[in-house]
């Protein structure tokens, strides 16, 4: 499937859509005022975080509206029991996932559980967190060239994070129990506690997105 980098282009007729957008694409609050629920949520945030939160929500509401063919002002986003965003105003089943790093925002929409994660590739990356890697992932990682390792580690991490979002647990699980395999063209397979996970879509990609080198992963569970 194609990765969309704009909310202006028409959507392909697919069951899952994925965007990677700059935060600046959200526009200002005057064009899409926050819902009452969003106003309540920002009350619990530090003032320095409020503008970015509302910008991400505007992007998410616009993406959902584009998929459903309605106005973004009619979209209401709440949180589920695990704190993840969910659409409460849609007549049809729709799952959403949202991730952001720096000025990048990743959005995944599907009619099945979907998870998405994005990480920015740093110029001087820190030492990989070995404790989050499965034994097979460590073997694969050590086979990568020195220059490829920062992106390789982020690819594994993004895939784990995206998967944990699809099952609604986030980092309440031990990441090393999950084994990610990266195949041709960025396709992913996942084992969880030694059992193969049935996936409908699973991809990781590394690219220069909106002027920022980034790694993006998205996963959709099979029904």
N, C-alpha and C. Protein backbone atom coordinates (compact mmCIF):
# COMPACT_ATOMS: atom_id res chain seq x y z
N UNK A 1 0.84 -1.19 0.00
CA UNK A 1 0.00 0.00 0.00
C UNK A 1 0.89 1.25 0.00
N UNK A 2 0.34 2.34 -0.47
CA UNK A 2 1.10 3.58 -0.57
C UNK A 2 1.04 4.35 0.75
N UNK A 3 2.15 4.99 1.09
CA UNK A 3 2.22 5.86 2.26
C UNK A 3 1.87 7.27 1.82
N UNK A 4 0.85 7.86 2.42
CA UNK A 4 0.42 9.21 2.05
C UNK A 4 1.20 10.24 2.86
N UNK A 5 1.58 11.32 2.21
CA UNK A 5 2.32 12.39 2.89
C UNK A 5 1.56 13.71 2.86
N UNK A 6 0.29 13.65 2.51
CA UNK A 6 -0.54 14.85 2.46
C UNK A 6 -1.99 14.47 2.72
N UNK A 7 -2.74 15.37 3.32
CA UNK A 7 -4.16 15.16 3.51
C UNK A 7 -4.98 15.77 2.38
N UNK A 8 -4.31 16.25 1.36
CA UNK A 8 -5.00 16.88 0.24
C UNK A 8 -5.34 15.89 -0.86
N UNK A 9 -4.51 14.84 -1.01
CA UNK A 9 -4.71 13.90 -2.11
C UNK A 9 -5.90 12.99 -1.81
N UNK A 10 -6.63 12.54 -2.85
CA UNK A 10 -7.73 11.59 -2.62
C UNK A 10 -7.19 10.26 -2.12
N UNK A 11 -7.98 9.56 -1.32
CA UNK A 11 -7.54 8.29 -0.76
C UNK A 11 -7.75 7.15 -1.75
N UNK A 12 -6.82 6.20 -1.73
CA UNK A 12 -7.01 4.98 -2.48
C UNK A 12 -8.07 4.14 -1.77
N UNK A 13 -8.78 3.32 -2.52
CA UNK A 13 -9.84 2.49 -1.95
C UNK A 13 -9.22 1.27 -1.28
N UNK A 14 -8.69 1.47 -0.10
CA UNK A 14 -8.04 0.39 0.65
C UNK A 14 -8.64 0.30 2.04
N UNK A 15 -8.50 -0.85 2.67
CA UNK A 15 -9.07 -1.03 4.00
C UNK A 15 -8.22 -0.35 5.07
N UNK A 16 -6.97 -0.09 4.75
CA UNK A 16 -6.08 0.59 5.68
C UNK A 16 -5.41 1.76 4.98
N UNK A 17 -5.34 2.90 5.67
CA UNK A 17 -4.62 4.07 5.16
C UNK A 17 -3.58 4.50 6.18
N UNK A 18 -2.43 4.93 5.68
CA UNK A 18 -1.33 5.37 6.54
C UNK A 18 -0.81 6.70 6.03
N UNK A 19 -0.60 7.64 6.96
CA UNK A 19 -0.04 8.95 6.64
C UNK A 19 1.20 9.22 7.48
N UNK A 20 2.14 9.94 6.90
CA UNK A 20 3.24 10.54 7.66
C UNK A 20 3.26 12.01 7.29
N UNK A 21 2.96 12.86 8.28
CA UNK A 21 2.69 14.27 8.02
C UNK A 21 3.55 15.17 8.90
N UNK A 22 3.84 16.38 8.43
CA UNK A 22 4.49 17.35 9.31
C UNK A 22 3.45 17.98 10.23
N UNK A 23 3.84 18.29 11.43
CA UNK A 23 2.92 18.90 12.39
C UNK A 23 2.34 20.20 11.84
N UNK A 24 3.11 20.89 11.02
CA UNK A 24 2.66 22.17 10.45
C UNK A 24 1.45 22.01 9.54
N UNK A 25 1.19 20.79 9.04
CA UNK A 25 0.05 20.56 8.15
C UNK A 25 -1.28 20.64 8.89
N UNK A 26 -1.25 20.72 10.22
CA UNK A 26 -2.49 20.75 10.99
C UNK A 26 -3.28 22.04 10.79
N UNK A 27 -2.61 23.11 10.35
CA UNK A 27 -3.30 24.38 10.24
C UNK A 27 -3.54 24.96 11.63
N UNK A 28 -4.29 26.04 11.68
CA UNK A 28 -4.50 26.66 13.00
C UNK A 28 -5.86 26.31 13.57
N UNK A 29 -6.04 26.65 14.81
CA UNK A 29 -7.24 26.29 15.56
C UNK A 29 -8.49 26.96 15.02
N UNK A 30 -8.32 28.10 14.39
CA UNK A 30 -9.48 28.83 13.88
C UNK A 30 -10.22 28.02 12.82
N UNK A 31 -9.48 27.22 12.03
CA UNK A 31 -10.09 26.44 10.96
C UNK A 31 -10.75 25.16 11.46
N UNK A 32 -10.29 24.65 12.59
CA UNK A 32 -10.88 23.44 13.17
C UNK A 32 -10.77 23.54 14.70
N UNK A 33 -11.74 24.17 15.33
CA UNK A 33 -11.68 24.37 16.78
C UNK A 33 -11.68 23.03 17.52
N UNK A 34 -11.07 22.98 18.70
CA UNK A 34 -11.07 21.74 19.48
C UNK A 34 -12.47 21.41 19.97
N UNK A 35 -12.72 20.12 20.12
CA UNK A 35 -13.98 19.68 20.71
C UNK A 35 -13.95 19.95 22.21
N UNK A 36 -15.11 19.84 22.83
CA UNK A 36 -15.17 20.03 24.28
C UNK A 36 -14.32 18.98 24.99
N UNK A 37 -14.29 17.78 24.46
CA UNK A 37 -13.49 16.72 25.07
C UNK A 37 -12.00 17.05 24.99
N UNK A 38 -11.57 17.62 23.87
CA UNK A 38 -10.17 18.00 23.71
C UNK A 38 -9.81 19.15 24.65
N UNK A 39 -10.73 20.08 24.82
CA UNK A 39 -10.48 21.20 25.76
C UNK A 39 -10.29 20.67 27.18
N UNK A 40 -11.07 19.64 27.52
CA UNK A 40 -10.93 19.04 28.84
C UNK A 40 -9.58 18.34 28.97
N UNK A 41 -9.18 17.63 27.92
CA UNK A 41 -7.91 16.90 27.96
C UNK A 41 -6.71 17.82 28.13
N UNK A 42 -6.69 18.95 27.43
CA UNK A 42 -5.51 19.81 27.52
C UNK A 42 -5.38 20.46 28.90
N UNK A 43 -6.48 20.46 29.65
CA UNK A 43 -6.41 21.00 31.00
C UNK A 43 -5.46 20.22 31.90
N UNK A 44 -5.24 18.94 31.54
CA UNK A 44 -4.35 18.09 32.33
C UNK A 44 -2.92 18.11 31.81
N UNK A 45 -2.68 18.84 30.72
CA UNK A 45 -1.34 18.88 30.13
C UNK A 45 -0.59 20.14 30.55
N UNK A 46 0.72 20.04 30.54
CA UNK A 46 1.54 21.23 30.76
C UNK A 46 1.30 22.20 29.61
N UNK A 47 1.25 23.50 29.87
CA UNK A 47 0.96 24.48 28.81
C UNK A 47 1.84 24.33 27.57
N UNK A 48 3.11 23.95 27.76
CA UNK A 48 4.02 23.84 26.62
C UNK A 48 3.64 22.70 25.68
N UNK A 49 2.82 21.76 26.15
CA UNK A 49 2.46 20.60 25.33
C UNK A 49 1.09 20.74 24.67
N UNK A 50 0.35 21.76 25.01
CA UNK A 50 -1.04 21.84 24.57
C UNK A 50 -1.18 22.09 23.07
N UNK A 51 -0.40 23.00 22.53
CA UNK A 51 -0.53 23.33 21.11
C UNK A 51 -0.23 22.12 20.24
N UNK A 52 0.82 21.37 20.57
CA UNK A 52 1.18 20.20 19.77
C UNK A 52 0.11 19.12 19.88
N UNK A 53 -0.45 18.94 21.08
CA UNK A 53 -1.53 17.96 21.25
C UNK A 53 -2.72 18.30 20.35
N UNK A 54 -3.14 19.55 20.38
CA UNK A 54 -4.29 19.95 19.57
C UNK A 54 -3.98 19.86 18.07
N UNK A 55 -2.74 20.15 17.68
CA UNK A 55 -2.36 20.03 16.27
C UNK A 55 -2.44 18.57 15.82
N UNK A 56 -1.96 17.65 16.66
CA UNK A 56 -2.04 16.23 16.30
C UNK A 56 -3.49 15.78 16.19
N UNK A 57 -4.33 16.26 17.09
CA UNK A 57 -5.75 15.90 17.03
C UNK A 57 -6.41 16.46 15.77
N UNK A 58 -6.02 17.67 15.36
CA UNK A 58 -6.61 18.21 14.13
C UNK A 58 -6.22 17.35 12.93
N UNK A 59 -4.97 16.92 12.89
CA UNK A 59 -4.53 16.04 11.80
C UNK A 59 -5.31 14.73 11.82
N UNK A 60 -5.48 14.15 12.99
CA UNK A 60 -6.21 12.89 13.10
C UNK A 60 -7.66 13.06 12.68
N UNK A 61 -8.31 14.13 13.13
CA UNK A 61 -9.71 14.35 12.77
C UNK A 61 -9.86 14.58 11.27
N UNK A 62 -8.90 15.28 10.67
CA UNK A 62 -8.96 15.49 9.22
C UNK A 62 -8.76 14.19 8.46
N UNK A 63 -7.87 13.33 8.94
CA UNK A 63 -7.63 12.05 8.28
C UNK A 63 -8.87 11.16 8.37
N UNK A 64 -9.48 11.09 9.54
CA UNK A 64 -10.69 10.29 9.70
C UNK A 64 -11.81 10.83 8.82
N UNK A 65 -11.94 12.15 8.78
CA UNK A 65 -12.98 12.76 7.95
C UNK A 65 -12.78 12.45 6.48
N UNK A 66 -11.51 12.44 6.05
CA UNK A 66 -11.22 12.13 4.65
C UNK A 66 -11.62 10.70 4.32
N UNK A 67 -11.36 9.79 5.24
CA UNK A 67 -11.74 8.40 5.01
C UNK A 67 -13.26 8.22 4.98
N UNK A 68 -13.96 8.92 5.90
CA UNK A 68 -15.41 8.73 6.01
C UNK A 68 -16.21 9.62 5.07
N UNK A 69 -15.54 10.60 4.45
CA UNK A 69 -16.24 11.48 3.51
C UNK A 69 -17.15 12.47 4.19
N UNK A 70 -16.76 12.92 5.39
CA UNK A 70 -17.56 13.92 6.11
C UNK A 70 -16.64 15.05 6.56
N UNK A 71 -17.20 16.07 7.18
CA UNK A 71 -16.41 17.20 7.62
C UNK A 71 -15.64 16.87 8.89
N UNK A 72 -14.40 17.37 9.05
CA UNK A 72 -13.63 17.09 10.26
C UNK A 72 -14.25 17.65 11.53
N UNK A 73 -15.11 18.67 11.38
CA UNK A 73 -15.80 19.21 12.54
C UNK A 73 -16.80 18.23 13.14
N UNK A 74 -17.16 17.18 12.37
CA UNK A 74 -18.11 16.18 12.85
C UNK A 74 -17.42 14.98 13.50
N UNK A 75 -16.09 15.00 13.54
CA UNK A 75 -15.34 13.88 14.10
C UNK A 75 -15.05 14.14 15.58
N UNK A 76 -15.37 13.17 16.40
CA UNK A 76 -15.09 13.25 17.84
C UNK A 76 -14.13 12.12 18.21
N UNK A 77 -13.01 12.48 18.81
CA UNK A 77 -11.99 11.52 19.23
C UNK A 77 -11.98 11.47 20.75
N UNK A 78 -12.11 10.27 21.31
CA UNK A 78 -12.00 10.07 22.75
C UNK A 78 -10.81 9.16 23.01
N UNK A 79 -10.73 8.60 24.19
CA UNK A 79 -9.69 7.62 24.53
C UNK A 79 -10.35 6.35 25.04
N UNK A 80 -9.73 5.21 24.70
CA UNK A 80 -10.25 3.95 25.23
C UNK A 80 -9.70 3.70 26.63
N UNK A 81 -9.98 2.53 27.17
CA UNK A 81 -9.57 2.24 28.55
C UNK A 81 -8.07 2.23 28.73
N UNK A 82 -7.33 2.04 27.63
CA UNK A 82 -5.86 2.02 27.69
C UNK A 82 -5.24 3.36 27.34
N UNK A 83 -6.08 4.37 27.09
CA UNK A 83 -5.56 5.70 26.77
C UNK A 83 -5.31 5.95 25.31
N UNK A 84 -5.60 4.98 24.44
CA UNK A 84 -5.38 5.15 23.00
C UNK A 84 -6.56 5.90 22.38
N UNK A 85 -6.32 6.66 21.30
CA UNK A 85 -7.42 7.39 20.67
C UNK A 85 -8.42 6.45 20.00
N UNK A 86 -9.69 6.83 20.05
CA UNK A 86 -10.72 6.08 19.34
C UNK A 86 -11.78 7.05 18.85
N UNK A 87 -12.38 6.70 17.74
CA UNK A 87 -13.42 7.54 17.14
C UNK A 87 -14.76 7.16 17.73
N UNK A 88 -15.45 8.13 18.30
CA UNK A 88 -16.76 7.85 18.90
C UNK A 88 -17.92 8.35 18.05
N UNK A 89 -17.61 9.02 16.94
CA UNK A 89 -18.67 9.63 16.13
C UNK A 89 -18.92 8.89 14.83
N UNK A 90 -18.24 7.77 14.58
CA UNK A 90 -18.38 7.07 13.30
C UNK A 90 -19.48 6.02 13.36
N UNK A 91 -20.22 5.89 12.27
CA UNK A 91 -21.27 4.88 12.20
C UNK A 91 -20.71 3.52 11.82
N UNK A 92 -19.56 3.50 11.18
CA UNK A 92 -18.93 2.25 10.79
C UNK A 92 -17.72 1.98 11.69
N UNK A 93 -17.37 0.70 11.89
CA UNK A 93 -16.20 0.39 12.73
C UNK A 93 -14.93 0.98 12.13
N UNK A 94 -14.17 1.69 12.93
CA UNK A 94 -12.91 2.25 12.46
C UNK A 94 -11.92 2.27 13.62
N UNK A 95 -10.72 1.78 13.35
CA UNK A 95 -9.65 1.78 14.34
C UNK A 95 -8.62 2.82 13.93
N UNK A 96 -8.06 3.51 14.91
CA UNK A 96 -7.09 4.55 14.63
C UNK A 96 -5.85 4.34 15.49
N UNK A 97 -4.72 4.81 14.99
CA UNK A 97 -3.48 4.82 15.77
C UNK A 97 -2.72 6.08 15.41
N UNK A 98 -2.06 6.64 16.41
CA UNK A 98 -1.38 7.93 16.24
C UNK A 98 -0.02 7.85 16.92
N UNK A 99 1.00 8.39 16.25
CA UNK A 99 2.34 8.45 16.84
C UNK A 99 3.00 9.73 16.37
N UNK A 100 3.91 10.27 17.17
CA UNK A 100 4.61 11.48 16.76
C UNK A 100 6.00 11.50 17.36
N UNK A 101 6.92 12.10 16.61
CA UNK A 101 8.27 12.37 17.08
C UNK A 101 8.71 13.69 16.46
N UNK A 102 9.11 14.62 17.30
CA UNK A 102 9.53 15.92 16.77
C UNK A 102 8.41 16.57 15.99
N UNK A 103 8.69 16.90 14.75
CA UNK A 103 7.71 17.57 13.89
C UNK A 103 6.96 16.61 12.99
N UNK A 104 7.12 15.30 13.19
CA UNK A 104 6.44 14.31 12.36
C UNK A 104 5.28 13.68 13.11
N UNK A 105 4.18 13.43 12.39
CA UNK A 105 3.01 12.77 12.96
C UNK A 105 2.62 11.62 12.03
N UNK A 106 2.49 10.43 12.59
CA UNK A 106 2.08 9.25 11.82
C UNK A 106 0.66 8.86 12.23
N UNK A 107 -0.16 8.54 11.24
CA UNK A 107 -1.56 8.18 11.48
C UNK A 107 -1.87 6.90 10.71
N UNK A 108 -2.53 5.96 11.39
CA UNK A 108 -3.01 4.75 10.74
C UNK A 108 -4.49 4.59 10.98
N UNK A 109 -5.25 4.28 9.92
CA UNK A 109 -6.69 4.05 10.01
C UNK A 109 -7.02 2.73 9.34
N UNK A 110 -7.90 1.94 9.95
CA UNK A 110 -8.27 0.66 9.36
C UNK A 110 -9.61 0.21 9.93
N UNK A 111 -10.18 -0.83 9.30
CA UNK A 111 -11.39 -1.43 9.87
C UNK A 111 -11.03 -2.62 10.76
N UNK A 112 -9.73 -2.80 11.02
CA UNK A 112 -9.23 -3.81 11.95
C UNK A 112 -8.24 -3.14 12.89
N UNK A 113 -7.90 -3.78 14.02
CA UNK A 113 -6.94 -3.16 14.94
C UNK A 113 -5.64 -2.81 14.25
N UNK A 114 -5.21 -1.56 14.40
CA UNK A 114 -4.02 -1.04 13.73
C UNK A 114 -3.12 -0.36 14.74
N UNK A 115 -1.83 -0.48 14.53
CA UNK A 115 -0.86 0.22 15.37
C UNK A 115 0.20 0.85 14.50
N UNK A 116 0.69 2.00 14.90
CA UNK A 116 1.68 2.71 14.11
C UNK A 116 2.71 3.35 15.03
N UNK A 117 3.94 3.45 14.56
CA UNK A 117 4.97 4.13 15.33
C UNK A 117 5.96 4.78 14.38
N UNK A 118 6.55 5.89 14.80
CA UNK A 118 7.54 6.60 14.01
C UNK A 118 8.68 7.04 14.92
N UNK A 119 9.89 6.98 14.41
CA UNK A 119 11.08 7.44 15.13
C UNK A 119 11.95 8.24 14.17
N UNK A 120 12.55 9.29 14.68
CA UNK A 120 13.46 10.11 13.88
C UNK A 120 14.87 9.52 13.99
N UNK A 121 15.56 9.42 12.87
CA UNK A 121 16.92 8.92 12.85
C UNK A 121 17.86 10.04 13.28
N UNK A 122 18.54 9.85 14.41
CA UNK A 122 19.40 10.89 14.95
C UNK A 122 20.78 10.86 14.31
N UNK A 123 21.41 12.02 14.27
CA UNK A 123 22.76 12.10 13.70
C UNK A 123 23.77 11.32 14.54
N UNK A 124 23.66 11.45 15.85
CA UNK A 124 24.53 10.72 16.78
C UNK A 124 23.66 9.87 17.70
N UNK A 125 23.21 8.71 17.21
CA UNK A 125 22.28 7.91 18.00
C UNK A 125 22.94 7.29 19.23
N UNK A 126 22.16 7.09 20.29
CA UNK A 126 22.71 6.45 21.49
C UNK A 126 22.93 4.97 21.25
N UNK A 127 23.59 4.31 22.17
CA UNK A 127 23.79 2.86 22.12
C UNK A 127 22.43 2.17 22.14
N UNK A 128 22.20 1.16 21.27
CA UNK A 128 20.91 0.47 21.26
C UNK A 128 20.57 -0.12 22.63
N UNK A 129 19.29 -0.15 22.93
CA UNK A 129 18.83 -0.75 24.19
C UNK A 129 18.71 -2.25 23.97
N UNK A 130 19.78 -2.97 24.24
CA UNK A 130 19.86 -4.40 23.96
C UNK A 130 18.79 -5.19 24.70
N UNK A 131 18.37 -4.71 25.86
CA UNK A 131 17.44 -5.48 26.67
C UNK A 131 16.05 -5.60 26.05
N UNK A 132 15.73 -4.79 25.05
CA UNK A 132 14.40 -4.89 24.43
C UNK A 132 14.40 -5.85 23.25
N UNK A 133 15.57 -6.39 22.89
CA UNK A 133 15.68 -7.25 21.72
C UNK A 133 15.54 -8.72 22.09
N UNK A 134 14.82 -9.45 21.26
CA UNK A 134 14.74 -10.90 21.34
C UNK A 134 16.08 -11.48 20.89
N UNK A 135 16.41 -12.69 21.31
CA UNK A 135 17.69 -13.29 20.96
C UNK A 135 17.90 -13.35 19.45
N UNK A 136 16.87 -13.71 18.69
CA UNK A 136 17.01 -13.78 17.22
C UNK A 136 17.22 -12.39 16.63
N UNK A 137 16.59 -11.37 17.23
CA UNK A 137 16.79 -10.01 16.75
C UNK A 137 18.23 -9.56 16.98
N UNK A 138 18.80 -9.93 18.11
CA UNK A 138 20.20 -9.58 18.38
C UNK A 138 21.13 -10.18 17.33
N UNK A 139 20.88 -11.45 16.98
CA UNK A 139 21.70 -12.11 15.95
C UNK A 139 21.59 -11.37 14.63
N UNK A 140 20.36 -11.02 14.24
CA UNK A 140 20.17 -10.29 12.97
C UNK A 140 20.82 -8.92 13.03
N UNK A 141 20.65 -8.24 14.16
CA UNK A 141 21.18 -6.89 14.30
C UNK A 141 22.71 -6.88 14.16
N UNK A 142 23.38 -7.85 14.73
CA UNK A 142 24.84 -7.90 14.67
C UNK A 142 25.36 -8.20 13.28
N UNK A 143 24.50 -8.70 12.40
CA UNK A 143 24.90 -8.95 11.01
C UNK A 143 24.82 -7.68 10.15
N UNK A 144 24.18 -6.64 10.67
CA UNK A 144 24.04 -5.40 9.91
C UNK A 144 25.35 -4.62 9.94
N UNK A 145 25.60 -3.88 8.87
CA UNK A 145 26.78 -3.03 8.84
C UNK A 145 26.69 -1.94 9.88
N UNK A 146 27.86 -1.44 10.29
CA UNK A 146 27.89 -0.42 11.33
C UNK A 146 27.04 0.79 10.96
N UNK A 147 27.10 1.21 9.71
CA UNK A 147 26.33 2.38 9.30
C UNK A 147 24.84 2.12 9.21
N UNK A 148 24.42 0.84 9.13
CA UNK A 148 23.01 0.50 9.01
C UNK A 148 22.35 0.25 10.36
N UNK A 149 23.16 0.09 11.40
CA UNK A 149 22.60 -0.34 12.68
C UNK A 149 21.63 0.65 13.32
N UNK A 150 21.87 1.96 13.27
CA UNK A 150 20.89 2.86 13.89
C UNK A 150 19.48 2.69 13.31
N UNK A 151 19.37 2.64 11.97
CA UNK A 151 18.06 2.47 11.36
C UNK A 151 17.52 1.07 11.61
N UNK A 152 18.41 0.06 11.63
CA UNK A 152 17.96 -1.31 11.88
C UNK A 152 17.34 -1.44 13.27
N UNK A 153 17.99 -0.84 14.27
CA UNK A 153 17.44 -0.90 15.62
C UNK A 153 16.09 -0.18 15.69
N UNK A 154 16.00 1.00 15.07
CA UNK A 154 14.74 1.73 15.09
C UNK A 154 13.63 0.96 14.38
N UNK A 155 13.99 0.22 13.32
CA UNK A 155 13.00 -0.58 12.61
C UNK A 155 12.41 -1.65 13.53
N UNK A 156 13.28 -2.32 14.30
CA UNK A 156 12.80 -3.33 15.24
C UNK A 156 11.94 -2.68 16.33
N UNK A 157 12.41 -1.57 16.86
CA UNK A 157 11.68 -0.90 17.93
C UNK A 157 10.31 -0.41 17.46
N UNK A 158 10.27 0.23 16.28
CA UNK A 158 9.00 0.74 15.75
C UNK A 158 8.01 -0.41 15.54
N UNK A 159 8.51 -1.53 15.02
CA UNK A 159 7.63 -2.67 14.79
C UNK A 159 7.04 -3.20 16.09
N UNK A 160 7.88 -3.30 17.14
CA UNK A 160 7.38 -3.75 18.44
C UNK A 160 6.34 -2.78 18.99
N UNK A 161 6.65 -1.50 18.93
CA UNK A 161 5.73 -0.48 19.46
C UNK A 161 4.41 -0.51 18.70
N UNK A 162 4.47 -0.63 17.37
CA UNK A 162 3.24 -0.68 16.58
C UNK A 162 2.42 -1.91 16.93
N UNK A 163 3.09 -3.05 17.09
CA UNK A 163 2.37 -4.28 17.44
C UNK A 163 1.71 -4.15 18.81
N UNK A 164 2.44 -3.63 19.80
CA UNK A 164 1.86 -3.49 21.13
C UNK A 164 0.67 -2.55 21.14
N UNK A 165 0.67 -1.57 20.24
CA UNK A 165 -0.50 -0.70 20.12
C UNK A 165 -1.69 -1.46 19.55
N UNK A 166 -1.45 -2.37 18.61
CA UNK A 166 -2.58 -3.11 18.02
C UNK A 166 -3.27 -3.98 19.05
N UNK A 167 -2.52 -4.50 20.03
CA UNK A 167 -3.15 -5.37 21.02
C UNK A 167 -3.54 -4.59 22.27
N UNK A 168 -3.34 -3.27 22.24
CA UNK A 168 -3.86 -2.40 23.29
C UNK A 168 -3.09 -2.43 24.59
N UNK A 169 -1.81 -2.86 24.55
CA UNK A 169 -1.06 -2.98 25.79
C UNK A 169 0.10 -1.99 25.90
N UNK A 170 0.53 -1.41 24.80
CA UNK A 170 1.65 -0.49 24.87
C UNK A 170 2.84 -1.14 25.54
N UNK A 171 3.60 -0.37 26.29
CA UNK A 171 4.82 -0.89 26.90
C UNK A 171 4.57 -1.59 28.23
N UNK A 172 3.33 -2.02 28.45
CA UNK A 172 3.06 -2.83 29.64
C UNK A 172 3.50 -4.28 29.43
N UNK A 173 3.95 -4.61 28.24
CA UNK A 173 4.49 -5.92 27.93
C UNK A 173 6.00 -5.84 27.87
N UNK A 174 6.68 -6.99 28.04
CA UNK A 174 8.12 -7.07 27.91
C UNK A 174 8.48 -7.15 26.43
N UNK A 175 9.12 -6.10 25.87
CA UNK A 175 9.41 -6.11 24.42
C UNK A 175 10.26 -7.29 23.96
N UNK A 176 11.14 -7.80 24.81
CA UNK A 176 12.01 -8.90 24.40
C UNK A 176 11.25 -10.20 24.18
N UNK A 177 9.99 -10.29 24.63
CA UNK A 177 9.18 -11.49 24.38
C UNK A 177 8.67 -11.52 22.95
N UNK A 178 8.81 -10.40 22.24
CA UNK A 178 8.30 -10.27 20.87
C UNK A 178 9.47 -10.33 19.90
N UNK A 179 9.39 -11.22 18.92
CA UNK A 179 10.45 -11.39 17.93
C UNK A 179 9.98 -10.87 16.58
N UNK A 180 10.65 -9.85 16.08
CA UNK A 180 10.31 -9.23 14.79
C UNK A 180 11.28 -9.73 13.74
N UNK A 181 10.76 -10.09 12.58
CA UNK A 181 11.59 -10.44 11.42
C UNK A 181 11.27 -9.47 10.29
N UNK A 182 12.30 -8.87 9.72
CA UNK A 182 12.12 -7.92 8.62
C UNK A 182 12.48 -8.62 7.32
N UNK A 183 11.53 -8.69 6.41
CA UNK A 183 11.70 -9.42 5.17
C UNK A 183 11.85 -8.45 4.00
N UNK A 184 11.75 -8.97 2.78
CA UNK A 184 11.90 -8.14 1.59
C UNK A 184 10.87 -7.02 1.57
N UNK A 185 11.31 -5.86 1.08
CA UNK A 185 10.46 -4.68 0.92
C UNK A 185 9.85 -4.23 2.24
N UNK A 186 10.53 -4.53 3.35
CA UNK A 186 10.08 -4.04 4.64
C UNK A 186 8.90 -4.78 5.24
N UNK A 187 8.53 -5.92 4.67
CA UNK A 187 7.43 -6.69 5.26
C UNK A 187 7.89 -7.30 6.58
N UNK A 188 6.96 -7.39 7.52
CA UNK A 188 7.27 -7.87 8.86
C UNK A 188 6.53 -9.16 9.17
N UNK A 189 7.17 -10.00 9.95
CA UNK A 189 6.47 -11.09 10.62
C UNK A 189 6.81 -11.00 12.10
N UNK A 190 5.89 -11.46 12.94
CA UNK A 190 6.04 -11.28 14.39
C UNK A 190 5.68 -12.57 15.12
N UNK A 191 6.53 -12.94 16.07
CA UNK A 191 6.22 -13.98 17.03
C UNK A 191 6.07 -13.35 18.40
N UNK A 192 5.04 -13.74 19.11
CA UNK A 192 4.80 -13.23 20.45
C UNK A 192 4.83 -14.41 21.42
N UNK A 193 5.82 -14.40 22.31
CA UNK A 193 5.99 -15.50 23.26
C UNK A 193 6.06 -16.85 22.55
N UNK A 194 6.74 -16.86 21.40
CA UNK A 194 6.97 -18.10 20.66
C UNK A 194 5.86 -18.49 19.71
N UNK A 195 4.80 -17.71 19.61
CA UNK A 195 3.67 -18.03 18.74
C UNK A 195 3.57 -17.01 17.61
N UNK A 196 3.39 -17.52 16.38
CA UNK A 196 3.27 -16.64 15.22
C UNK A 196 1.99 -15.82 15.30
N UNK A 197 2.09 -14.53 15.06
CA UNK A 197 0.93 -13.63 15.08
C UNK A 197 0.35 -13.53 13.69
N UNK A 198 -0.97 -13.67 13.58
CA UNK A 198 -1.65 -13.53 12.29
C UNK A 198 -1.82 -12.04 11.99
N UNK A 199 -1.22 -11.60 10.88
CA UNK A 199 -1.23 -10.19 10.50
C UNK A 199 -1.87 -10.03 9.14
N UNK A 200 -2.60 -8.94 8.98
CA UNK A 200 -3.15 -8.62 7.66
C UNK A 200 -2.17 -7.75 6.88
N UNK A 201 -1.58 -6.77 7.55
CA UNK A 201 -0.54 -5.93 6.96
C UNK A 201 0.51 -5.67 8.02
N UNK A 202 1.78 -5.62 7.60
CA UNK A 202 2.85 -5.31 8.54
C UNK A 202 4.06 -4.86 7.74
N UNK A 203 4.43 -3.59 7.90
CA UNK A 203 5.51 -3.02 7.12
C UNK A 203 6.36 -2.08 7.98
N UNK A 204 7.62 -1.96 7.61
CA UNK A 204 8.48 -0.92 8.16
C UNK A 204 9.20 -0.27 6.99
N UNK A 205 9.36 1.04 7.05
CA UNK A 205 10.04 1.75 5.97
C UNK A 205 10.94 2.82 6.54
N UNK A 206 12.05 3.04 5.88
CA UNK A 206 13.00 4.09 6.26
C UNK A 206 13.04 5.09 5.11
N UNK A 207 12.83 6.36 5.40
CA UNK A 207 12.81 7.33 4.32
C UNK A 207 13.09 8.73 4.84
N UNK A 208 13.36 9.61 3.90
CA UNK A 208 13.51 11.04 4.21
C UNK A 208 12.12 11.64 4.09
N UNK A 209 11.48 11.93 5.20
CA UNK A 209 10.09 12.38 5.20
C UNK A 209 10.00 13.82 5.65
N UNK A 210 9.51 14.68 4.75
CA UNK A 210 9.35 16.10 5.06
C UNK A 210 10.66 16.69 5.59
N UNK A 211 11.77 16.27 4.95
CA UNK A 211 13.07 16.81 5.30
C UNK A 211 13.72 16.17 6.51
N UNK A 212 13.08 15.16 7.09
CA UNK A 212 13.60 14.51 8.30
C UNK A 212 13.76 13.02 8.05
N UNK A 213 14.95 12.46 8.29
CA UNK A 213 15.10 11.01 8.15
C UNK A 213 14.33 10.29 9.26
N UNK A 214 13.49 9.35 8.89
CA UNK A 214 12.62 8.71 9.87
C UNK A 214 12.39 7.25 9.52
N UNK A 215 12.01 6.49 10.54
CA UNK A 215 11.61 5.10 10.40
C UNK A 215 10.16 5.00 10.83
N UNK A 216 9.34 4.32 10.01
CA UNK A 216 7.91 4.20 10.27
C UNK A 216 7.50 2.74 10.16
N UNK A 217 6.70 2.27 11.12
CA UNK A 217 6.16 0.91 11.06
C UNK A 217 4.67 0.95 11.32
N UNK A 218 3.92 0.10 10.60
CA UNK A 218 2.49 -0.04 10.88
C UNK A 218 2.10 -1.50 10.76
N UNK A 219 1.17 -1.89 11.62
CA UNK A 219 0.73 -3.29 11.71
C UNK A 219 -0.77 -3.33 11.84
N UNK A 220 -1.39 -4.23 11.09
CA UNK A 220 -2.83 -4.47 11.15
C UNK A 220 -3.05 -5.95 11.44
N UNK A 221 -3.80 -6.25 12.49
CA UNK A 221 -4.06 -7.64 12.85
C UNK A 221 -5.06 -8.26 11.88
N UNK A 222 -4.89 -9.56 11.65
CA UNK A 222 -5.84 -10.30 10.84
C UNK A 222 -7.05 -10.67 11.68
N UNK A 223 -8.19 -10.80 11.04
CA UNK A 223 -9.41 -11.21 11.75
C UNK A 223 -9.52 -12.72 11.72
